[in-house]
Amino acid sequence: MTKEQIFLNLQLKELIIDDKWKLAFLNFLPFRRMIILYPLQKRQIENISKLNSNEVYKLAHDIQDPSITLADLEKLAIELHLA
C-alpha cells in the first residue's frame, strides 16, 4: 500500500461503508490526487456506498480516467437507483 492509500485508509475507516467500497475508493481517489477527504467528499462516498450499484463499483474500482469525479459517481449511482 502506498503512503497515499494508507492515509486514505485511515480516513475511510471513519466512514460507514462496506469493505469492498473502501478498496474501490483506495484505488479511485489517489489516481485523482484526492488524498485529504473533506466533509462533502466523505458524504459523497457514503452515499455512493449506500446505493451499492455494481456498475458504479466497477467504475470506481477499475476506471483510469481522472476526469471521472466523486460527483459523477454519486450522480450515476442515484440515477441507477431511481431507474
PDB file of N, CA and C in Angstrom:
ATOM      1  N   MET A   1       0.848  -1.177   0.000  1.00  0.00           N
ATOM      2  CA  MET A   1       0.000   0.000   0.000  1.00  0.00           C
ATOM      3  C   MET A   1       0.894   1.242   0.000  1.00  0.00           C
ATOM      4  N   THR A   2       0.528   2.222  -0.823  1.00  0.00           N
ATOM      5  CA  THR A   2       1.304   3.456  -0.885  1.00  0.00           C
ATOM      6  C   THR A   2       0.991   4.331   0.330  1.00  0.00           C
ATOM      7  N   LYS A   3       1.808   5.348   0.535  1.00  0.00           N
ATOM      8  CA  LYS A   3       1.561   6.279   1.639  1.00  0.00           C
ATOM      9  C   LYS A   3       0.205   6.958   1.483  1.00  0.00           C
ATOM     10  N   GLU A   4      -0.130   7.302   0.233  1.00  0.00           N
ATOM     11  CA  GLU A   4      -1.414   7.944  -0.018  1.00  0.00           C
ATOM     12  C   GLU A   4      -2.566   7.016   0.352  1.00  0.00           C
ATOM     13  N   GLN A   5      -2.453   5.754  -0.018  1.00  0.00           N
ATOM     14  CA  GLN A   5      -3.506   4.799   0.294  1.00  0.00           C
ATOM     15  C   GLN A   5      -3.608   4.555   1.802  1.00  0.00           C
ATOM     16  N   ILE A   6      -2.498   4.536   2.486  1.00  0.00           N
ATOM     17  CA  ILE A   6      -2.522   4.371   3.949  1.00  0.00           C
ATOM     18  C   ILE A   6      -3.256   5.542   4.594  1.00  0.00           C
ATOM     19  N   PHE A   7      -2.947   6.755   4.148  1.00  0.00           N
ATOM     20  CA  PHE A   7      -3.601   7.942   4.696  1.00  0.00           C
ATOM     21  C   PHE A   7      -5.094   7.929   4.376  1.00  0.00           C
ATOM     22  N   LEU A   8      -5.440   7.568   3.135  1.00  0.00           N
ATOM     23  CA  LEU A   8      -6.851   7.473   2.759  1.00  0.00           C
ATOM     24  C   LEU A   8      -7.568   6.385   3.551  1.00  0.00           C
ATOM     25  N   ASN A   9      -6.894   5.270   3.755  1.00  0.00           N
ATOM     26  CA  ASN A   9      -7.488   4.166   4.507  1.00  0.00           C
ATOM     27  C   ASN A   9      -7.879   4.616   5.913  1.00  0.00           C
ATOM     28  N   LEU A  10      -7.036   5.407   6.531  1.00  0.00           N
ATOM     29  CA  LEU A  10      -7.356   5.931   7.868  1.00  0.00           C
ATOM     30  C   LEU A  10      -8.612   6.794   7.825  1.00  0.00           C
ATOM     31  N   GLN A  11      -8.745   7.606   6.794  1.00  0.00           N
ATOM     32  CA  GLN A  11      -9.931   8.467   6.667  1.00  0.00           C
ATOM     33  C   GLN A  11     -11.177   7.651   6.335  1.00  0.00           C
ATOM     34  N   LEU A  12     -11.012   6.645   5.484  1.00  0.00           N
ATOM     35  CA  LEU A  12     -12.159   5.820   5.099  1.00  0.00           C
ATOM     36  C   LEU A  12     -12.663   4.974   6.259  1.00  0.00           C
ATOM     37  N   LYS A  13     -11.782   4.644   7.211  1.00  0.00           N
ATOM     38  CA  LYS A  13     -12.210   3.875   8.383  1.00  0.00           C
ATOM     39  C   LYS A  13     -13.218   4.643   9.222  1.00  0.00           C
ATOM     40  N   GLU A  14     -13.202   5.984   9.124  1.00  0.00           N
ATOM     41  CA  GLU A  14     -14.146   6.811   9.864  1.00  0.00           C
ATOM     42  C   GLU A  14     -15.552   6.732   9.275  1.00  0.00           C
ATOM     43  N   LEU A  15     -15.653   6.320   8.021  1.00  0.00           N
ATOM     44  CA  LEU A  15     -16.936   6.315   7.323  1.00  0.00           C
ATOM     45  C   LEU A  15     -17.647   4.980   7.492  1.00  0.00           C
ATOM     46  N   ILE A  16     -18.942   5.025   7.354  1.00  0.00           N
ATOM     47  CA  ILE A  16     -19.749   3.813   7.443  1.00  0.00           C
ATOM     48  C   ILE A  16     -19.961   3.300   6.020  1.00  0.00           C
ATOM     49  N   ILE A  17     -18.972   2.521   5.545  1.00  0.00           N
ATOM     50  CA  ILE A  17     -19.050   1.949   4.203  1.00  0.00           C
ATOM     51  C   ILE A  17     -18.513   0.523   4.250  1.00  0.00           C
ATOM     52  N   ASP A  18     -18.976  -0.269   3.316  1.00  0.00           N
ATOM     53  CA  ASP A  18     -18.567  -1.662   3.201  1.00  0.00           C
ATOM     54  C   ASP A  18     -17.093  -1.750   2.794  1.00  0.00           C
ATOM     55  N   ASP A  19     -16.435  -2.819   3.195  1.00  0.00           N
ATOM     56  CA  ASP A  19     -15.015  -3.006   2.877  1.00  0.00           C
ATOM     57  C   ASP A  19     -14.746  -3.035   1.375  1.00  0.00           C
ATOM     58  N   LYS A  20     -15.679  -3.579   0.591  1.00  0.00           N
ATOM     59  CA  LYS A  20     -15.457  -3.616  -0.860  1.00  0.00           C
ATOM     60  C   LYS A  20     -15.397  -2.198  -1.416  1.00  0.00           C
ATOM     61  N   TRP A  21     -16.197  -1.297  -0.851  1.00  0.00           N
ATOM     62  CA  TRP A  21     -16.167   0.093  -1.304  1.00  0.00           C
ATOM     63  C   TRP A  21     -14.900   0.794  -0.837  1.00  0.00           C
ATOM     64  N   LYS A  22     -14.417   0.456   0.342  1.00  0.00           N
ATOM     65  CA  LYS A  22     -13.151   1.037   0.797  1.00  0.00           C
ATOM     66  C   LYS A  22     -12.041   0.699  -0.185  1.00  0.00           C
ATOM     67  N   LEU A  23     -12.003  -0.549  -0.617  1.00  0.00           N
ATOM     68  CA  LEU A  23     -10.993  -0.967  -1.590  1.00  0.00           C
ATOM     69  C   LEU A  23     -11.148  -0.205  -2.900  1.00  0.00           C
ATOM     70  N   ALA A  24     -12.375  -0.069  -3.369  1.00  0.00           N
ATOM     71  CA  ALA A  24     -12.613   0.665  -4.620  1.00  0.00           C
ATOM     72  C   ALA A  24     -12.132   2.104  -4.500  1.00  0.00           C
ATOM     73  N   PHE A  25     -12.431   2.756  -3.383  1.00  0.00           N
ATOM     74  CA  PHE A  25     -12.018   4.149  -3.226  1.00  0.00           C
ATOM     75  C   PHE A  25     -10.518   4.288  -2.963  1.00  0.00           C
ATOM     76  N   LEU A  26      -9.896   3.266  -2.408  1.00  0.00           N
ATOM     77  CA  LEU A  26      -8.434   3.298  -2.268  1.00  0.00           C
ATOM     78  C   LEU A  26      -7.759   3.283  -3.637  1.00  0.00           C
ATOM     79  N   ASN A  27      -8.404   2.695  -4.629  1.00  0.00           N
ATOM     80  CA  ASN A  27      -7.895   2.709  -6.000  1.00  0.00           C
ATOM     81  C   ASN A  27      -8.298   3.991  -6.723  1.00  0.00           C
ATOM     82  N   PHE A  28      -9.507   4.456  -6.503  1.00  0.00           N
ATOM     83  CA  PHE A  28     -10.084   5.586  -7.229  1.00  0.00           C
ATOM     84  C   PHE A  28      -9.472   6.930  -6.822  1.00  0.00           C
ATOM     85  N   LEU A  29      -9.389   7.193  -5.543  1.00  0.00           N
ATOM     86  CA  LEU A  29      -9.041   8.530  -5.057  1.00  0.00           C
ATOM     87  C   LEU A  29      -7.601   8.967  -5.344  1.00  0.00           C
ATOM     88  N   PRO A  30      -6.581   8.158  -5.091  1.00  0.00           N
ATOM     89  CA  PRO A  30      -5.214   8.635  -5.356  1.00  0.00           C
ATOM     90  C   PRO A  30      -4.969   8.958  -6.834  1.00  0.00           C
ATOM     91  N   PHE A  31      -5.608   8.223  -7.710  1.00  0.00           N
ATOM     92  CA  PHE A  31      -5.441   8.472  -9.136  1.00  0.00           C
ATOM     93  C   PHE A  31      -5.951   9.856  -9.503  1.00  0.00           C
ATOM     94  N   ARG A  32      -6.857  10.401  -8.716  1.00  0.00           N
ATOM     95  CA  ARG A  32      -7.407  11.740  -8.929  1.00  0.00           C
ATOM     96  C   ARG A  32      -6.755  12.769  -8.022  1.00  0.00           C
ATOM     97  N   ARG A  33      -5.669  12.366  -7.402  1.00  0.00           N
ATOM     98  CA  ARG A  33      -4.902  13.227  -6.485  1.00  0.00           C
ATOM     99  C   ARG A  33      -5.764  13.720  -5.319  1.00  0.00           C
ATOM    100  N   MET A  34      -6.678  12.869  -4.892  1.00  0.00           N
ATOM    101  CA  MET A  34      -7.534  13.184  -3.745  1.00  0.00           C
ATOM    102  C   MET A  34      -6.983  12.413  -2.551  1.00  0.00           C
ATOM    103  N   ILE A  35      -6.275  13.112  -1.698  1.00  0.00           N
ATOM    104  CA  ILE A  35      -5.646  12.471  -0.551  1.00  0.00           C
ATOM    105  C   ILE A  35      -6.351  12.864   0.742  1.00  0.00           C
ATOM    106  N   ILE A  36      -6.732  14.125   0.840  1.00  0.00           N
ATOM    107  CA  ILE A  36      -7.469  14.600   2.013  1.00  0.00           C
ATOM    108  C   ILE A  36      -8.946  14.654   1.651  1.00  0.00           C
ATOM    109  N   LEU A  37      -9.765  13.995   2.447  1.00  0.00           N
ATOM    110  CA  LEU A  37     -11.197  13.965   2.188  1.00  0.00           C
ATOM    111  C   LEU A  37     -11.900  15.014   3.044  1.00  0.00           C
ATOM    112  N   TYR A  38     -12.627  15.877   2.369  1.00  0.00           N
ATOM    113  CA  TYR A  38     -13.386  16.923   3.043  1.00  0.00           C
ATOM    114  C   TYR A  38     -14.805  16.412   3.311  1.00  0.00           C
ATOM    115  N   PRO A  39     -15.562  17.107   4.154  1.00  0.00           N
ATOM    116  CA  PRO A  39     -16.901  16.621   4.507  1.00  0.00           C
ATOM    117  C   PRO A  39     -17.789  16.299   3.300  1.00  0.00           C
ATOM    118  N   LEU A  40     -17.786  17.140   2.282  1.00  0.00           N
ATOM    119  CA  LEU A  40     -18.602  16.875   1.093  1.00  0.00           C
ATOM    120  C   LEU A  40     -18.177  15.566   0.435  1.00  0.00           C
ATOM    121  N   GLN A  41     -16.890  15.348   0.301  1.00  0.00           N
ATOM    122  CA  GLN A  41     -16.389  14.127  -0.329  1.00  0.00           C
ATOM    123  C   GLN A  41     -16.725  12.898   0.513  1.00  0.00           C
ATOM    124  N   LYS A  42     -16.642  13.027   1.821  1.00  0.00           N
ATOM    125  CA  LYS A  42     -16.994  11.910   2.705  1.00  0.00           C
ATOM    126  C   LYS A  42     -18.475  11.567   2.562  1.00  0.00           C
ATOM    127  N   ARG A  43     -19.306  12.596   2.466  1.00  0.00           N
ATOM    128  CA  ARG A  43     -20.746  12.369   2.289  1.00  0.00           C
ATOM    129  C   ARG A  43     -21.018  11.688   0.953  1.00  0.00           C
ATOM    130  N   GLN A  44     -20.314  12.124  -0.096  1.00  0.00           N
ATOM    131  CA  GLN A  44     -20.494  11.512  -1.416  1.00  0.00           C
ATOM    132  C   GLN A  44     -20.099  10.041  -1.384  1.00  0.00           C
ATOM    133  N   ILE A  45     -18.998   9.730  -0.746  1.00  0.00           N
ATOM    134  CA  ILE A  45     -18.533   8.349  -0.642  1.00  0.00           C
ATOM    135  C   ILE A  45     -19.559   7.498   0.092  1.00  0.00           C
ATOM    136  N   GLU A  46     -20.095   8.012   1.202  1.00  0.00           N
ATOM    137  CA  GLU A  46     -21.108   7.257   1.941  1.00  0.00           C
ATOM    138  C   GLU A  46     -22.372   7.058   1.108  1.00  0.00           C
ATOM    139  N   ASN A  47     -22.785   8.097   0.378  1.00  0.00           N
ATOM    140  CA  ASN A  47     -23.981   7.979  -0.470  1.00  0.00           C
ATOM    141  C   ASN A  47     -23.770   6.931  -1.562  1.00  0.00           C
ATOM    142  N   ILE A  48     -22.634   6.982  -2.215  1.00  0.00           N
ATOM    143  CA  ILE A  48     -22.330   6.022  -3.276  1.00  0.00           C
ATOM    144  C   ILE A  48     -22.348   4.605  -2.719  1.00  0.00           C
ATOM    145  N   SER A  49     -21.740   4.421  -1.568  1.00  0.00           N
ATOM    146  CA  SER A  49     -21.668   3.100  -0.950  1.00  0.00           C
ATOM    147  C   SER A  49     -23.050   2.590  -0.558  1.00  0.00           C
ATOM    148  N   LYS A  50     -23.881   3.468  -0.015  1.00  0.00           N
ATOM    149  CA  LYS A  50     -25.225   3.056   0.408  1.00  0.00           C
ATOM    150  C   LYS A  50     -26.077   2.615  -0.774  1.00  0.00           C
ATOM    151  N   LEU A  51     -25.933   3.289  -1.906  1.00  0.00           N
ATOM    152  CA  LEU A  51     -26.715   2.929  -3.087  1.00  0.00           C
ATOM    153  C   LEU A  51     -26.220   1.627  -3.702  1.00  0.00           C
ATOM    154  N   ASN A  52     -24.960   1.302  -3.491  1.00  0.00           N
ATOM    155  CA  ASN A  52     -24.358  -0.006  -3.785  1.00  0.00           C
ATOM    156  C   ASN A  52     -24.659  -0.536  -5.198  1.00  0.00           C
ATOM    157  N   SER A  53     -24.373   0.278  -6.195  1.00  0.00           N
ATOM    158  CA  SER A  53     -24.573  -0.128  -7.588  1.00  0.00           C
ATOM    159  C   SER A  53     -23.330  -0.866  -8.096  1.00  0.00           C
ATOM    160  N   ASN A  54     -23.551  -2.020  -8.694  1.00  0.00           N
ATOM    161  CA  ASN A  54     -22.421  -2.781  -9.256  1.00  0.00           C
ATOM    162  C   ASN A  54     -21.726  -2.020 -10.374  1.00  0.00           C
ATOM    163  N   GLU A  55     -22.492  -1.302 -11.189  1.00  0.00           N
ATOM    164  CA  GLU A  55     -21.901  -0.522 -12.285  1.00  0.00           C
ATOM    165  C   GLU A  55     -20.997   0.583 -11.741  1.00  0.00           C
ATOM    166  N   VAL A  56     -21.458   1.264 -10.707  1.00  0.00           N
ATOM    167  CA  VAL A  56     -20.675   2.341 -10.099  1.00  0.00           C
ATOM    168  C   VAL A  56     -19.452   1.756  -9.410  1.00  0.00           C
ATOM    169  N   TYR A  57     -19.624   0.626  -8.756  1.00  0.00           N
ATOM    170  CA  TYR A  57     -18.488  -0.036  -8.108  1.00  0.00           C
ATOM    171  C   TYR A  57     -17.398  -0.351  -9.136  1.00  0.00           C
ATOM    172  N   LYS A  58     -17.795  -0.902 -10.268  1.00  0.00           N
ATOM    173  CA  LYS A  58     -16.824  -1.245 -11.311  1.00  0.00           C
ATOM    174  C   LYS A  58     -16.097   0.006 -11.798  1.00  0.00           C
ATOM    175  N   LEU A  59     -16.830   1.096 -11.989  1.00  0.00           N
ATOM    176  CA  LEU A  59     -16.190   2.347 -12.397  1.00  0.00           C
ATOM    177  C   LEU A  59     -15.186   2.825 -11.348  1.00  0.00           C
ATOM    178  N   ALA A  60     -15.614   2.835 -10.095  1.00  0.00           N
ATOM    179  CA  ALA A  60     -14.745   3.326  -9.023  1.00  0.00           C
ATOM    180  C   ALA A  60     -13.513   2.452  -8.867  1.00  0.00           C
ATOM    181  N   HIS A  61     -13.683   1.166  -9.076  1.00  0.00           N
ATOM    182  CA  HIS A  61     -12.579   0.234  -8.849  1.00  0.00           C
ATOM    183  C   HIS A  61     -11.611   0.165 -10.027  1.00  0.00           C
ATOM    184  N   ASP A  62     -12.126   0.245 -11.258  1.00  0.00           N
ATOM    185  CA  ASP A  62     -11.310  -0.054 -12.432  1.00  0.00           C
ATOM    186  C   ASP A  62     -10.940   1.129 -13.318  1.00  0.00           C
ATOM    187  N   ILE A  63     -11.716   2.176 -13.321  1.00  0.00           N
ATOM    188  CA  ILE A  63     -11.521   3.229 -14.320  1.00  0.00           C
ATOM    189  C   ILE A  63     -10.246   4.025 -14.064  1.00  0.00           C
ATOM    190  N   GLN A  64      -9.563   4.346 -15.129  1.00  0.00           N
ATOM    191  CA  GLN A  64      -8.304   5.086 -15.041  1.00  0.00           C
ATOM    192  C   GLN A  64      -8.451   6.525 -15.552  1.00  0.00           C
ATOM    193  N   ASP A  65      -9.662   6.957 -15.832  1.00  0.00           N
ATOM    194  CA  ASP A  65      -9.915   8.288 -16.368  1.00  0.00           C
ATOM    195  C   ASP A  65     -10.024   9.297 -15.224  1.00  0.00           C
ATOM    196  N   PRO A  66      -9.040  10.179 -15.064  1.00  0.00           N
ATOM    197  CA  PRO A  66      -9.066  11.122 -13.937  1.00  0.00           C
ATOM    198  C   PRO A  66     -10.155  12.182 -14.041  1.00  0.00           C
ATOM    199  N   SER A  67     -10.839  12.262 -15.189  1.00  0.00           N
ATOM    200  CA  SER A  67     -11.907  13.247 -15.305  1.00  0.00           C
ATOM    201  C   SER A  67     -13.193  12.786 -14.623  1.00  0.00           C
ATOM    202  N   ILE A  68     -13.291  11.496 -14.278  1.00  0.00           N
ATOM    203  CA  ILE A  68     -14.443  10.982 -13.539  1.00  0.00           C
ATOM    204  C   ILE A  68     -14.269  11.363 -12.071  1.00  0.00           C
ATOM    205  N   THR A  69     -15.271  12.049 -11.519  1.00  0.00           N
ATOM    206  CA  THR A  69     -15.174  12.548 -10.144  1.00  0.00           C
ATOM    207  C   THR A  69     -16.135  11.814  -9.219  1.00  0.00           C
ATOM    208  N   LEU A  70     -16.002  12.096  -7.932  1.00  0.00           N
ATOM    209  CA  LEU A  70     -16.955  11.552  -6.962  1.00  0.00           C
ATOM    210  C   LEU A  70     -18.367  12.040  -7.271  1.00  0.00           C
ATOM    211  N   ALA A  71     -18.496  13.278  -7.696  1.00  0.00           N
ATOM    212  CA  ALA A  71     -19.816  13.815  -8.043  1.00  0.00           C
ATOM    213  C   ALA A  71     -20.422  13.025  -9.205  1.00  0.00           C
ATOM    214  N   ASP A  72     -19.592  12.662 -10.183  1.00  0.00           N
ATOM    215  CA  ASP A  72     -20.079  11.856 -11.310  1.00  0.00           C
ATOM    216  C   ASP A  72     -20.546  10.486 -10.836  1.00  0.00           C
ATOM    217  N   LEU A  73     -19.765   9.863  -9.961  1.00  0.00           N
ATOM    218  CA  LEU A  73     -20.146   8.545  -9.440  1.00  0.00           C
ATOM    219  C   LEU A  73     -21.425   8.627  -8.628  1.00  0.00           C
ATOM    220  N   GLU A  74     -21.539   9.668  -7.810  1.00  0.00           N
ATOM    221  CA  GLU A  74     -22.737   9.834  -6.988  1.00  0.00           C
ATOM    222  C   GLU A  74     -23.966  10.046  -7.880  1.00  0.00           C
ATOM    223  N   LYS A  75     -23.840  10.886  -8.883  1.00  0.00           N
ATOM    224  CA  LYS A  75     -24.952  11.145  -9.807  1.00  0.00           C
ATOM    225  C   LYS A  75     -25.373   9.859 -10.510  1.00  0.00           C
ATOM    226  N   LEU A  76     -24.404   9.093 -10.996  1.00  0.00           N
ATOM    227  CA  LEU A  76     -24.712   7.834 -11.672  1.00  0.00           C
ATOM    228  C   LEU A  76     -25.387   6.855 -10.713  1.00  0.00           C
ATOM    229  N   ALA A  77     -24.889   6.765  -9.493  1.00  0.00           N
ATOM    230  CA  ALA A  77     -25.482   5.853  -8.504  1.00  0.00           C
ATOM    231  C   ALA A  77     -26.937   6.220  -8.227  1.00  0.00           C
ATOM    232  N   ILE A  78     -27.212   7.511  -8.123  1.00  0.00           N
ATOM    233  CA  ILE A  78     -28.596   7.954  -7.882  1.00  0.00           C
ATOM    234  C   ILE A  78     -29.464   7.648  -9.077  1.00  0.00           C
ATOM    235  N   GLU A  79     -28.959   7.933 -10.279  1.00  0.00           N
ATOM    236  CA  GLU A  79     -29.744   7.658 -11.497  1.00  0.00           C
ATOM    237  C   GLU A  79     -30.057   6.167 -11.625  1.00  0.00           C
ATOM    238  N   LEU A  80     -29.068   5.317 -11.369  1.00  0.00           N
ATOM    239  CA  LEU A  80     -29.288   3.876 -11.470  1.00  0.00           C
ATOM    240  C   LEU A  80     -30.247   3.387 -10.390  1.00  0.00           C
ATOM    241  N   HIS A  81     -30.178   3.992  -9.218  1.00  0.00           N
ATOM    242  CA  HIS A  81     -31.059   3.609  -8.117  1.00  0.00           C
ATOM    243  C   HIS A  81     -32.518   3.960  -8.418  1.00  0.00           C
ATOM    244  N   LEU A  82     -32.718   5.113  -9.069  1.00  0.00           N
ATOM    245  CA  LEU A  82     -34.068   5.580  -9.374  1.00  0.00           C
ATOM    246  C   LEU A  82     -34.657   4.900 -10.609  1.00  0.00           C
ATOM    247  N   ALA A  83     -33.796   4.295 -11.416  1.00  0.00           N
ATOM    248  CA  ALA A  83     -34.274   3.662 -12.675  1.00  0.00           C
ATOM    249  C   ALA A  83     -35.044   2.392 -12.410  1.00  0.00           C
TER     250      ALA A  83
END
